[in-house]
Amino acid sequence: MAKVFFDMVPKRSYNFCCCGGFLQSGYKDARLEYGRLKDMQIKATGADYCIAGCHNCHAQIHELSEHFGTNYGVGHLWTLICLSLGILGPNECTYLHDDLKDVNVFHPETALE
């Protein structure tokens, strides 16, 4: 059976910050360089996706993945929850890789049309 959860090291209160709080700072190069540590931490897990709990973390981690070429997917926590429940809005598939983009789920918005 495939492993579905990979914990990062270090973990819990010793986990590294992604620096997503600096998205609006105007110092993009510094933000990406400080985020390099988080990108390496995520890459070391070998996971295909990283689940982010907040919008700033999601945006930063997604940009780190593209900037450093590590190319892991980044999903919102609610996207994971919606996938597990079988409900997902079409716009929520934006950040998913091809392996999950076409998962057959109920789209509440389109069902009302």
Protein backbone atom coordinates (compact mmCIF):
# COMPACT_ATOMS: atom_id res chain seq x y z
CA MET A 1 0.00 0.00 0.00
CA ALA A 2 1.28 3.46 -0.88
CA LYS A 3 2.13 5.84 1.91
CA VAL A 4 -0.27 8.76 1.97
CA PHE A 5 1.23 10.94 4.71
CA PHE A 6 4.82 12.09 5.07
CA ASP A 7 5.74 14.09 8.14
CA MET A 8 8.40 16.75 7.66
CA VAL A 9 11.59 16.81 9.71
CA PRO A 10 11.93 18.75 11.91
CA LYS A 11 8.27 18.72 12.84
CA ARG A 12 5.67 20.35 15.05
CA SER A 13 6.98 23.47 16.80
CA TYR A 14 10.43 22.95 15.24
CA ASN A 15 9.07 23.01 11.68
CA PHE A 16 10.45 25.61 9.28
CA CYS A 17 8.43 28.64 8.19
CA CYS A 18 7.72 29.02 4.47
CA CYS A 19 7.95 32.85 4.73
CA GLY A 20 4.55 33.26 3.04
CA GLY A 21 3.78 36.09 5.43
CA PHE A 22 6.15 38.23 3.36
CA LEU A 23 4.11 37.87 0.13
CA GLN A 24 3.16 41.55 0.14
CA SER A 25 6.53 42.85 1.35
CA GLY A 26 7.92 43.66 -2.09
CA TYR A 27 11.13 41.68 -1.43
CA LYS A 28 10.44 38.72 -3.68
CA ASP A 29 14.05 37.58 -4.11
CA ALA A 30 14.67 37.58 -0.35
CA ARG A 31 11.35 35.85 0.32
CA LEU A 32 12.18 33.07 -2.12
CA GLU A 33 15.69 32.67 -0.75
CA TYR A 34 14.42 32.45 2.84
CA GLY A 35 11.81 29.96 1.63
CA ARG A 36 14.49 27.69 0.13
CA LEU A 37 14.79 25.85 3.45
CA LYS A 38 11.07 25.03 3.44
CA ASP A 39 11.26 23.87 -0.18
CA MET A 40 14.14 21.52 0.69
CA GLN A 41 12.22 20.26 3.73
CA ILE A 42 9.16 19.43 1.61
CA LYS A 43 11.26 17.87 -1.15
CA ALA A 44 13.04 15.63 1.40
CA THR A 45 9.72 13.96 2.26
CA GLY A 46 9.38 12.57 -1.25
CA ALA A 47 5.68 13.51 -1.23
CA ASP A 48 3.85 14.39 -4.43
CA TYR A 49 1.77 17.07 -2.69
CA CYS A 50 2.12 19.51 0.17
CA ILE A 51 -1.09 20.52 1.95
CA ALA A 52 -1.11 24.12 3.15
CA GLY A 53 -3.40 25.35 5.89
CA CYS A 54 -3.50 29.04 4.96
CA HIS A 55 -3.65 31.04 1.74
CA ASN A 56 -0.28 32.78 2.24
CA CYS A 57 1.48 29.46 2.85
CA HIS A 58 -0.24 27.95 -0.19
CA ALA A 59 0.81 30.81 -2.46
CA GLN A 60 4.40 30.84 -1.16
CA ILE A 61 4.89 27.07 -1.26
CA HIS A 62 3.41 26.89 -4.76
CA GLU A 63 5.82 29.60 -5.91
CA LEU A 64 8.75 27.88 -4.17
CA SER A 65 7.95 24.63 -5.98
CA GLU A 66 7.96 26.38 -9.34
CA HIS A 67 10.95 28.64 -8.60
CA PHE A 68 13.25 25.85 -7.42
CA GLY A 69 11.90 23.29 -9.92
CA THR A 70 10.87 20.76 -7.28
CA ASN A 71 7.40 20.54 -8.85
CA TYR A 72 5.42 18.97 -6.04
CA GLY A 73 1.75 19.87 -6.01
CA VAL A 74 0.36 22.22 -3.40
CA GLY A 75 -3.20 21.95 -2.19
CA HIS A 76 -5.35 23.82 0.27
CA LEU A 77 -6.47 21.90 3.33
CA TRP A 78 -10.11 22.35 2.27
CA THR A 79 -9.28 20.85 -1.16
CA LEU A 80 -8.08 17.69 0.57
CA ILE A 81 -11.22 17.61 2.71
CA CYS A 82 -13.46 18.16 -0.34
CA LEU A 83 -11.67 15.43 -2.30
CA SER A 84 -12.19 13.00 0.57
CA LEU A 85 -15.91 13.89 0.70
CA GLY A 86 -16.31 13.64 -3.08
CA ILE A 87 -17.26 17.28 -3.55
CA LEU A 88 -15.00 19.81 -5.20
CA GLY A 89 -15.69 22.99 -7.12
CA PRO A 90 -14.21 23.16 -10.63
CA ASN A 91 -11.98 26.13 -9.72
CA GLU A 92 -10.47 24.13 -6.85
CA CYS A 93 -8.75 21.82 -9.37
CA THR A 94 -6.44 24.65 -10.51
CA TYR A 95 -3.46 23.64 -8.37
CA LEU A 96 -3.86 19.89 -8.68
CA HIS A 97 -1.60 17.85 -10.95
CA ASP A 98 -3.02 15.69 -13.71
CA ASP A 99 -3.30 12.69 -11.37
CA LEU A 100 -6.07 14.43 -9.38
CA LYS A 101 -7.51 17.00 -11.81
CA ASP A 102 -9.91 14.54 -13.37
CA VAL A 103 -11.09 12.83 -10.20
CA ASN A 104 -14.82 12.32 -10.68
CA VAL A 105 -16.38 14.40 -7.92
CA PHE A 106 -19.69 16.18 -7.53
CA HIS A 107 -19.48 19.90 -8.34
CA PRO A 108 -22.19 21.69 -6.31
CA GLU A 109 -21.94 24.86 -8.43
CA THR A 110 -22.52 23.07 -11.72
CA ALA A 111 -25.31 20.90 -10.33
CA LEU A 112 -27.44 24.00 -9.84
CA GLU A 113 -27.28 25.03 -13.50
